[in-house]
C-alpha atoms as a PDB file:
ATOM      1  CA  MET A   1     173.151 -64.322 -98.484  1.00  0.00           C
ATOM      2  CA  ASP A   2     173.135 -65.427 -94.867  1.00  0.00           C
ATOM      3  CA  PRO A   3     172.151 -63.114 -91.968  1.00  0.00           C
ATOM      4  CA  ALA A   4     175.755 -62.711 -90.806  1.00  0.00           C
ATOM      5  CA  GLU A   5     176.770 -61.443 -94.243  1.00  0.00           C
ATOM      6  CA  VAL A   6     173.821 -59.023 -94.308  1.00  0.00           C
ATOM      7  CA  GLN A   7     174.914 -57.675 -90.907  1.00  0.00           C
ATOM      8  CA  GLN A   8     178.523 -57.344 -92.044  1.00  0.00           C
ATOM      9  CA  ARG A   9     177.597 -55.489 -95.233  1.00  0.00           C
ATOM     10  CA  LEU A  10     175.140 -53.234 -93.419  1.00  0.00           C
ATOM     11  CA  LYS A  11     177.747 -52.424 -90.771  1.00  0.00           C
ATOM     12  CA  ARG A  12     180.260 -51.557 -93.496  1.00  0.00           C
ATOM     13  CA  LEU A  13     177.728 -49.318 -95.240  1.00  0.00           C
ATOM     14  CA  ALA A  14     176.872 -47.574 -91.956  1.00  0.00           C
ATOM     15  CA  GLN A  15     180.560 -46.905 -91.330  1.00  0.00           C
ATOM     16  CA  ALA A  16     181.064 -45.628 -94.876  1.00  0.00           C
ATOM     17  CA  HIS A  17     177.991 -43.364 -94.671  1.00  0.00           C
ATOM     18  CA  PRO A  18     177.720 -42.130 -91.055  1.00  0.00           C
ATOM     19  CA  GLY A  19     174.404 -40.507 -90.193  1.00  0.00           C
ATOM     20  CA  GLU A  20     172.635 -42.092 -93.176  1.00  0.00           C
ATOM     21  CA  HIS A  21     169.020 -43.098 -92.542  1.00  0.00           C
ATOM     22  CA  PRO A  22     168.520 -46.895 -92.132  1.00  0.00           C
ATOM     23  CA  TYR A  23     166.096 -46.945 -95.085  1.00  0.00           C
ATOM     24  CA  THR A  24     168.773 -45.405 -97.309  1.00  0.00           C
ATOM     25  CA  LEU A  25     171.315 -47.941 -96.076  1.00  0.00           C
ATOM     26  CA  ALA A  26     168.831 -50.724 -96.856  1.00  0.00           C
ATOM     27  CA  LEU A  27     168.488 -49.384-100.413  1.00  0.00           C
ATOM     28  CA  LYS A  28     172.274 -49.190-100.796  1.00  0.00           C
ATOM     29  CA  LEU A  29     172.535 -52.803 -99.601  1.00  0.00           C
ATOM     30  CA  GLN A  30     169.892 -53.820-102.127  1.00  0.00           C
ATOM     31  CA  ALA A  31     171.718 -52.021-104.943  1.00  0.00           C
ATOM     32  CA  GLU A  32     175.062 -53.636-104.185  1.00  0.00           C
ATOM     33  CA  SER A  33     173.929 -57.159-103.308  1.00  0.00           C
ATOM     34  CA  GLY A  34     170.400 -57.696-104.585  1.00  0.00           C
ATOM     35  CA  LYS A  35     169.269 -58.605-101.052  1.00  0.00           C
ATOM     36  CA  ILE A  36     166.076 -56.780-100.101  1.00  0.00           C
ATOM     37  CA  ILE A  37     165.670 -55.711 -96.480  1.00  0.00           C
ATOM     38  CA  THR A  38     163.354 -53.114 -94.991  1.00  0.00           C
ATOM     39  CA  GLY A  39     164.490 -49.906 -93.385  1.00  0.00           C
ATOM     40  CA  GLN A  40     163.006 -51.180 -90.113  1.00  0.00           C
ATOM     41  CA  LEU A  41     165.104 -54.353 -90.280  1.00  0.00           C
ATOM     42  CA  ALA A  42     168.189 -52.297 -91.118  1.00  0.00           C
ATOM     43  CA  LYS A  43     167.503 -50.115 -88.078  1.00  0.00           C
ATOM     44  CA  GLN A  44     167.102 -53.167 -85.821  1.00  0.00           C
ATOM     45  CA  ILE A  45     170.327 -54.741 -87.093  1.00  0.00           C
ATOM     46  CA  LEU A  46     172.255 -51.503 -86.612  1.00  0.00           C
ATOM     47  CA  GLN A  47     170.887 -51.109 -83.085  1.00  0.00           C
ATOM     48  CA  ARG A  48     172.044 -54.638 -82.232  1.00  0.00           C
ATOM     49  CA  LEU A  49     175.466 -53.848 -83.682  1.00  0.00           C
ATOM     50  CA  GLY A  50     175.695 -50.667 -81.612  1.00  0.00           C
ATOM     51  CA  HIS A  51     175.250 -48.067 -84.352  1.00  0.00           C
ATOM     52  CA  ASP A  52     172.979 -45.238 -83.262  1.00  0.00           C
ATOM     53  CA  GLN A  53     170.913 -44.546 -86.364  1.00  0.00           C
ATOM     54  CA  THR A  54     167.668 -42.616 -86.255  1.00  0.00           C
END
């Protein structure tokens, strides 16, 4: 899975689950795609995409 696809899937998950913690979104991404990312990386990606996650 390339970085653009990870960003797209993470963005979709963030939109589907507003207010969800980045670590939880990272786990959801792992469950649906098998791609392992950290909560910190998820938070950084979401910040770059303009999603305000805490």
